[in-house]
Amino acid sequence: MLRTMIIGGIAAMLATAVLASDASEDQTAKAAWRQMVEDSDQAYAVRDRAILKIDDTVYLEEGQTAWLMRHENTRVHYLWSMQPPEDWTVDGESYAVLMISYGSESAMMRVVNTAANLGHIEMMRQMAEQSGIEMPPMAVAQEYDMLTYHEENESFEFDEGVQLTAHPTQMSPGETGLRATVFNQNHPEAEHFEGLVWYDYNPDMVIEARFEPMDEFVPETFQTSRGWYKEFQHVGHAVFSLNGEELRMPLYGFTTNPAEITDVSAFFTDAMSGTETYGVGRYLDVAVEEGSFPPETVTIDFNYAYNPLCARSEYYNCPYAEYDIPGAVPAGEMNPPGH
């Protein structure tokens, strides 16, 4: 009897220790998830290149040029135009600030009218007027290669509180273009942002899945929010059970070289899509240890499922999800308020 009691007591202590360990792991995981939620809000509205600070974005194919126009009579001042302005200098309530051209290996930007340049132009005009000289329209131009800024992960500040970034992007399968974006630190959407909305953290939505690699990568094309198409490499499936169903969720990579894979992504819809969650689906990134592809297992943590950027901003080019999970996935990011 005593031996039985001792063994039972030890077993109870071990079970308590295991439960305490599990609870501690859950709390650690929840804390990491909360930090991700905070970081996401920062990325949307606080950082210099926050998503909601975008005034305008233009997508350029090779050989195309766009002009950035400043409009004095609007709250959002900077808008791209694919048409060259008749006059680089001040023209009523709008004028061209800069131009950017995309070639196969370069993205050349010519800054024409910043606030400082306009001040210089106005000073020259006044001096000419005082001297009785009729001065023709003029501009002060400086030229920059924007791909250098992209490689150094920097933005170009051409006016106070206003930056430009430009980087290559997939326009369609096999075609690379340029995405040029203007960030305005005084954008009203960023000022009024109240945060993303998430389901409460749920440890039951963290699933260890078996990974089934493809015999060879298969390129697959997705339609995007801009009516274009993007290509990703189908690298394998995550195999797991959810809501009583055995699932084989496709996972996609962004390279054809297995040695370069450090993460893969899933694009999915579920029974909550279009009501509690974003209608065109959500994304989920899955870490893969560098050099270990294909892994035997992958961790599917639906608490980290997030909306594509086009859920909150018209300036992105997001692929639509095609894989549907039967039943609800009540974890991760919810529908944007008022969407």
Protein backbone atom coordinates (compact mmCIF):
# COMPACT_ATOMS: atom_id res chain seq x y z
CA MET A 1 0.00 0.00 0.00
CA LEU A 2 2.75 2.43 0.98
CA ARG A 3 4.66 1.58 -2.20
CA THR A 4 1.52 2.20 -4.24
CA MET A 5 0.95 5.54 -2.52
CA ILE A 6 4.54 6.61 -3.15
CA ILE A 7 4.39 5.63 -6.81
CA GLY A 8 1.05 7.41 -7.16
CA GLY A 9 2.47 10.53 -5.51
CA ILE A 10 5.49 10.55 -7.81
CA ALA A 11 3.23 10.13 -10.85
CA ALA A 12 1.04 13.01 -9.69
CA MET A 13 4.11 15.20 -9.18
CA LEU A 14 5.41 14.34 -12.64
CA ALA A 15 2.01 15.05 -14.20
CA THR A 16 1.86 18.39 -12.40
CA ALA A 17 5.36 19.23 -13.60
CA VAL A 18 4.41 18.36 -17.19
CA LEU A 19 1.27 20.51 -16.97
CA ALA A 20 3.29 23.37 -15.51
CA SER A 21 5.85 22.99 -18.29
CA ASP A 22 3.12 23.00 -20.95
CA ALA A 23 1.52 26.08 -19.37
CA SER A 24 4.89 27.82 -19.31
CA GLU A 25 5.48 27.00 -22.99
CA ASP A 26 2.00 28.29 -23.85
CA GLN A 27 2.68 31.56 -22.02
CA THR A 28 6.01 31.96 -23.81
CA ALA A 29 4.36 31.28 -27.17
CA LYS A 30 1.54 33.70 -26.35
CA ALA A 31 4.03 36.42 -25.41
CA ALA A 32 5.83 35.95 -28.75
CA TRP A 33 2.50 36.16 -30.56
CA ARG A 34 1.58 39.38 -28.73
CA GLN A 35 4.90 40.88 -29.78
CA MET A 36 4.11 39.96 -33.39
CA VAL A 37 0.73 41.72 -33.09
CA GLU A 38 2.43 44.87 -31.78
CA ASP A 39 5.05 44.71 -34.55
CA SER A 40 2.28 44.38 -37.15
CA ASP A 41 0.58 47.54 -35.89
CA GLN A 42 3.92 49.35 -36.07
CA ALA A 43 4.39 48.19 -39.66
CA TYR A 44 0.93 49.46 -40.59
CA ALA A 45 0.99 52.93 -39.07
CA VAL A 46 4.11 53.91 -37.14
CA ARG A 47 7.28 53.14 -39.08
CA ASP A 48 8.61 55.59 -41.68
CA ARG A 49 7.60 53.17 -44.43
CA ALA A 50 4.34 52.12 -42.79
CA ILE A 51 1.68 50.63 -45.05
CA LEU A 52 -0.93 53.26 -44.22
CA LYS A 53 1.49 56.13 -44.91
CA ILE A 54 1.48 55.45 -48.65
CA ASP A 55 0.31 58.41 -50.72
CA ASP A 56 0.57 56.54 -54.00
CA THR A 57 2.32 53.63 -55.74
CA VAL A 58 3.11 53.05 -59.39
CA TYR A 59 4.08 49.79 -61.13
CA LEU A 60 6.36 50.26 -64.14
CA GLU A 61 7.19 47.84 -66.91
CA GLU A 62 10.56 48.02 -68.61
CA GLY A 63 10.91 51.21 -70.63
CA GLN A 64 8.12 53.08 -68.83
CA THR A 65 8.39 56.43 -67.03
CA ALA A 66 6.14 57.99 -64.39
CA TRP A 67 5.93 61.53 -63.01
CA LEU A 68 5.11 62.33 -59.40
CA MET A 69 2.74 65.28 -59.06
CA ARG A 70 2.26 67.35 -55.93
CA HIS A 71 -1.27 68.67 -55.47
CA GLU A 72 -1.61 71.59 -53.09
CA ASN A 73 -5.38 71.36 -52.80
CA THR A 74 -5.64 67.77 -51.51
CA ARG A 75 -4.96 66.19 -48.13
CA VAL A 76 -2.88 63.46 -49.74
CA HIS A 77 -0.41 65.54 -51.71
CA TYR A 78 1.52 63.15 -53.95
CA LEU A 79 0.07 61.21 -56.90
CA TRP A 80 1.76 59.43 -59.81
CA SER A 81 0.98 60.24 -63.43
CA MET A 82 1.92 58.24 -66.51
CA GLN A 83 1.57 61.42 -68.59
CA PRO A 84 4.44 63.95 -68.76
CA PRO A 85 3.51 67.37 -67.37
CA GLU A 86 3.45 70.34 -69.69
CA ASP A 87 5.39 72.45 -67.22
CA TRP A 88 7.82 71.11 -64.61
CA THR A 89 7.45 74.19 -62.45
CA VAL A 90 4.49 75.44 -60.43
CA ASP A 91 1.32 75.24 -62.49
CA GLY A 92 -1.69 76.47 -60.60
CA GLU A 93 -2.18 74.14 -57.65
CA SER A 94 -0.05 71.22 -58.85
CA TYR A 95 3.43 70.62 -60.21
CA ALA A 96 5.79 67.75 -61.01
CA VAL A 97 8.18 66.81 -58.21
CA LEU A 98 10.22 64.07 -59.85
CA MET A 99 10.26 61.43 -62.57
CA ILE A 100 11.36 57.81 -62.45
CA SER A 101 12.21 55.52 -65.38
CA TYR A 102 12.67 51.76 -65.28
CA GLY A 103 15.14 49.86 -67.43
CA SER A 104 16.25 46.25 -67.31
CA GLU A 105 19.07 46.98 -64.85
CA SER A 106 18.34 50.45 -63.51
CA ALA A 107 15.69 52.68 -62.00
CA MET A 108 16.76 56.25 -62.65
CA MET A 109 15.03 59.02 -60.73
CA ARG A 110 15.33 62.70 -61.57
CA VAL A 111 14.33 65.04 -58.77
CA VAL A 112 13.09 68.30 -60.24
CA ASN A 113 11.01 70.30 -57.78
CA THR A 114 11.51 69.76 -54.09
CA ALA A 115 10.54 72.48 -51.63
CA ALA A 116 14.18 73.65 -51.60
CA ASN A 117 14.37 73.66 -55.40
CA LEU A 118 11.13 75.60 -55.67
CA GLY A 119 12.47 78.17 -53.22
CA HIS A 120 15.55 78.55 -55.41
CA ILE A 121 13.40 78.87 -58.55
CA GLU A 122 11.20 81.51 -56.93
CA MET A 123 14.24 83.47 -55.79
CA MET A 124 15.64 83.43 -59.35
CA ARG A 125 12.26 84.50 -60.73
CA GLN A 126 12.07 87.46 -58.32
CA MET A 127 15.62 88.54 -59.16
CA ALA A 128 14.81 88.35 -62.88
CA GLU A 129 11.63 90.34 -62.38
CA GLN A 130 13.45 93.07 -60.45
CA SER A 131 15.97 93.27 -63.29
CA GLY A 132 13.26 93.48 -65.93
CA ILE A 133 14.23 90.12 -67.39
CA GLU A 134 11.56 87.68 -68.56
CA MET A 135 12.65 84.31 -67.17
CA PRO A 136 11.36 81.14 -68.92
CA PRO A 137 10.10 78.19 -66.79
CA MET A 138 13.03 76.40 -65.23
CA ALA A 139 13.71 73.43 -63.03
CA VAL A 140 16.58 72.27 -60.86
CA ALA A 141 17.29 68.59 -61.56
CA GLN A 142 19.32 65.96 -59.71
CA GLU A 143 19.58 62.32 -60.82
CA TYR A 144 19.75 59.18 -58.65
CA ASP A 145 19.79 55.42 -59.20
CA MET A 146 16.98 54.15 -56.96
CA LEU A 147 18.12 50.51 -57.09
CA THR A 148 21.12 51.54 -54.98
CA TYR A 149 18.72 52.68 -52.26
CA HIS A 150 16.82 49.40 -52.58
CA GLU A 151 19.98 47.31 -52.18
CA GLU A 152 20.88 49.26 -49.03
CA ASN A 153 17.26 49.07 -47.73
CA GLU A 154 17.04 52.84 -47.64
CA SER A 155 14.41 55.32 -48.82
CA PHE A 156 15.09 58.61 -50.58
CA GLU A 157 13.70 61.68 -48.77
CA PHE A 158 12.91 64.29 -51.40
CA ASP A 159 10.81 66.56 -49.18
CA GLU A 160 10.32 66.95 -45.45
CA GLY A 161 8.55 63.86 -44.14
CA VAL A 162 8.17 62.35 -47.61
CA GLN A 163 10.19 59.39 -48.88
CA LEU A 164 10.38 57.35 -52.06
CA THR A 165 11.27 53.66 -52.36
CA ALA A 166 11.64 51.67 -55.57
CA HIS A 167 12.32 47.99 -55.96
CA PRO A 168 11.93 45.23 -58.57
CA THR A 169 8.73 43.18 -58.32
CA GLN A 170 7.06 40.35 -60.20
CA MET A 171 4.55 41.88 -62.61
CA SER A 172 3.55 38.57 -64.20
CA PRO A 173 5.17 35.13 -64.52
CA GLY A 174 8.66 35.66 -65.92
CA GLU A 175 8.33 39.47 -66.05
CA THR A 176 10.00 41.79 -63.56
CA GLY A 177 8.88 45.39 -63.18
CA LEU A 178 9.42 48.23 -60.73
CA ARG A 179 7.24 49.24 -57.78
CA ALA A 180 7.78 52.89 -56.74
CA THR A 181 6.06 54.08 -53.56
CA VAL A 182 5.73 57.47 -51.89
CA PHE A 183 5.44 57.47 -48.08
CA ASN A 184 4.02 60.55 -46.37
CA GLN A 185 4.56 60.81 -42.61
CA ASN A 186 1.40 62.94 -42.24
CA HIS A 187 -0.96 60.55 -43.99
CA PRO A 188 -4.43 60.70 -42.36
CA GLU A 189 -5.03 56.94 -42.51
CA ALA A 190 -1.96 56.30 -40.38
CA GLU A 191 -2.97 59.03 -37.97
CA HIS A 192 -6.41 57.46 -37.40
CA PHE A 193 -5.35 53.79 -37.36
CA GLU A 194 -6.68 51.91 -34.31
CA GLY A 195 -4.86 48.61 -34.78
CA LEU A 196 -5.41 45.27 -36.50
CA VAL A 197 -7.99 42.86 -35.08
CA TRP A 198 -7.00 39.30 -34.10
CA TYR A 199 -8.65 36.26 -32.57
CA ASP A 200 -7.44 35.47 -29.05
CA TYR A 201 -4.34 33.29 -28.99
CA ASN A 202 -5.30 29.61 -29.12
CA PRO A 203 -2.61 26.99 -28.34
CA ASP A 204 -4.80 24.31 -29.93
CA MET A 205 -4.27 25.97 -33.30
CA VAL A 206 -0.54 25.18 -33.24
CA ILE A 207 -0.15 21.97 -35.24
CA GLU A 208 2.89 19.83 -35.97
CA ALA A 209 2.35 18.66 -39.53
CA ARG A 210 4.07 16.07 -41.66
CA PHE A 211 5.75 17.60 -44.70
CA GLU A 212 5.35 15.88 -48.06
CA PRO A 213 7.76 17.38 -50.62
CA MET A 214 6.96 17.50 -54.32
CA ASP A 215 9.12 15.22 -56.47
CA GLU A 216 10.12 18.45 -58.21
CA PHE A 217 8.96 22.05 -57.78
CA VAL A 218 5.91 22.95 -59.85
CA PRO A 219 5.31 26.61 -60.85
CA GLU A 220 1.72 27.68 -60.16
CA THR A 221 0.05 30.93 -61.17
CA PHE A 222 -2.32 32.93 -58.95
CA GLN A 223 -4.57 35.81 -59.96
CA THR A 224 -3.89 38.96 -57.94
CA SER A 225 -5.84 41.85 -56.47
CA ARG A 226 -4.73 44.12 -59.34
CA GLY A 227 -6.07 41.73 -61.98
CA TRP A 228 -2.56 40.49 -62.80
CA TYR A 229 -0.89 37.13 -62.16
CA LYS A 230 1.94 35.93 -59.91
CA GLU A 231 3.89 32.70 -60.02
CA PHE A 232 5.08 30.70 -57.01
CA GLN A 233 6.83 27.36 -56.71
CA HIS A 234 4.68 24.57 -55.26
CA VAL A 235 7.24 22.82 -53.04
CA GLY A 236 5.10 20.40 -51.00
CA HIS A 237 2.16 19.82 -48.67
CA ALA A 238 1.60 20.09 -44.93
CA VAL A 239 -0.38 17.00 -43.87
CA PHE A 240 -2.40 17.30 -40.66
CA SER A 241 -5.85 16.91 -39.11
CA LEU A 242 -8.18 19.83 -38.37
CA ASN A 243 -11.89 19.92 -37.60
CA GLY A 244 -12.00 16.15 -38.01
CA GLU A 245 -10.60 16.37 -41.55
CA GLU A 246 -7.30 15.06 -42.89
CA LEU A 247 -5.79 17.98 -44.83
CA ARG A 248 -3.00 18.33 -47.38
CA MET A 249 -2.40 22.08 -47.46
CA PRO A 250 -0.16 23.20 -50.34
CA LEU A 251 2.95 25.17 -49.45
CA TYR A 252 4.76 27.53 -51.81
CA GLY A 253 8.28 28.87 -52.10
CA PHE A 254 9.78 31.85 -53.89
CA THR A 255 12.83 30.17 -55.43
CA THR A 256 13.57 27.16 -57.59
CA ASN A 257 16.65 26.32 -55.50
CA PRO A 258 15.86 24.09 -52.46
CA ALA A 259 19.06 25.18 -50.71
CA GLU A 260 17.80 28.80 -50.62
CA ILE A 261 14.49 28.02 -48.89
CA THR A 262 14.18 29.43 -45.36
CA ASP A 263 10.38 29.70 -45.29
CA VAL A 264 7.35 28.61 -47.26
CA SER A 265 3.84 30.05 -47.40
CA ALA A 266 0.24 28.89 -47.51
CA PHE A 267 -2.68 30.86 -49.00
CA PHE A 268 -6.02 29.63 -47.69
CA THR A 269 -9.69 30.36 -47.14
CA ASP A 270 -11.99 28.75 -44.57
CA ALA A 271 -15.61 28.83 -43.41
CA MET A 272 -15.07 32.26 -41.81
CA SER A 273 -13.78 33.90 -45.00
CA GLY A 274 -16.02 36.76 -46.05
CA THR A 275 -17.62 37.10 -42.63
CA GLU A 276 -15.21 37.20 -39.70
CA THR A 277 -12.08 36.96 -41.84
CA TYR A 278 -10.91 38.54 -45.11
CA GLY A 279 -12.93 37.26 -48.05
CA VAL A 280 -10.13 36.50 -50.51
CA GLY A 281 -8.19 34.49 -47.93
CA ARG A 282 -5.33 34.72 -45.50
CA TYR A 283 -1.62 33.88 -45.65
CA LEU A 284 0.55 31.84 -43.31
CA ASP A 285 4.35 31.74 -43.37
CA VAL A 286 6.11 28.59 -42.17
CA ALA A 287 9.76 28.62 -41.12
CA VAL A 288 12.21 26.09 -42.57
CA GLU A 289 15.71 25.77 -41.14
CA GLU A 290 18.20 26.96 -43.72
CA GLY A 291 19.80 24.08 -45.60
CA SER A 292 17.34 21.51 -44.21
CA PHE A 293 14.85 21.37 -47.09
CA PRO A 294 12.86 19.20 -47.29
CA PRO A 295 12.04 19.01 -43.55
CA GLU A 296 10.27 15.98 -42.10
CA THR A 297 7.77 18.17 -40.22
CA VAL A 298 6.64 21.81 -40.22
CA THR A 299 4.85 23.81 -37.51
CA ILE A 300 1.53 25.22 -38.70
CA ASP A 301 0.57 28.00 -36.27
CA PHE A 302 -2.74 29.47 -37.38
CA ASN A 303 -2.46 32.16 -34.69
CA TYR A 304 -0.05 33.85 -37.12
CA ALA A 305 -2.39 33.70 -40.14
CA TYR A 306 -2.55 37.23 -41.53
CA ASN A 307 -4.43 39.23 -44.14
CA PRO A 308 -2.66 40.15 -47.38
CA LEU A 309 -1.67 43.81 -47.50
CA CYS A 310 -4.37 44.54 -50.07
CA ALA A 311 -6.93 44.02 -47.27
CA ARG A 312 -5.97 47.49 -45.96
CA SER A 313 -4.27 49.16 -48.91
CA GLU A 314 -5.07 49.44 -52.62
CA TYR A 315 -1.40 49.87 -53.47
CA TYR A 316 -0.34 46.20 -53.24
CA ASN A 317 -0.52 43.27 -55.64
CA CYS A 318 -1.68 40.26 -53.61
CA PRO A 319 -2.40 36.73 -54.87
CA TYR A 320 -5.87 35.33 -54.15
CA ALA A 321 -6.01 32.16 -52.04
CA GLU A 322 -7.23 29.04 -53.85
CA TYR A 323 -6.99 26.34 -51.15
CA ASP A 324 -10.09 26.07 -48.94
CA ILE A 325 -9.95 24.50 -45.47
CA PRO A 326 -13.24 22.76 -44.54
CA GLY A 327 -14.74 24.30 -41.42
CA ALA A 328 -13.64 27.33 -39.46
CA VAL A 329 -10.12 28.47 -38.53
CA PRO A 330 -10.86 30.85 -35.61
CA ALA A 331 -7.26 32.00 -35.18
CA GLY A 332 -5.08 34.70 -36.64
CA GLU A 333 -6.08 38.05 -38.08
CA MET A 334 -9.75 38.96 -38.51
CA ASN A 335 -11.46 41.16 -41.10
CA PRO A 336 -10.31 44.82 -41.05
CA PRO A 337 -12.91 47.02 -39.29
CA GLY A 338 -15.36 48.51 -41.77
CA HIS A 339 -14.02 46.46 -44.66
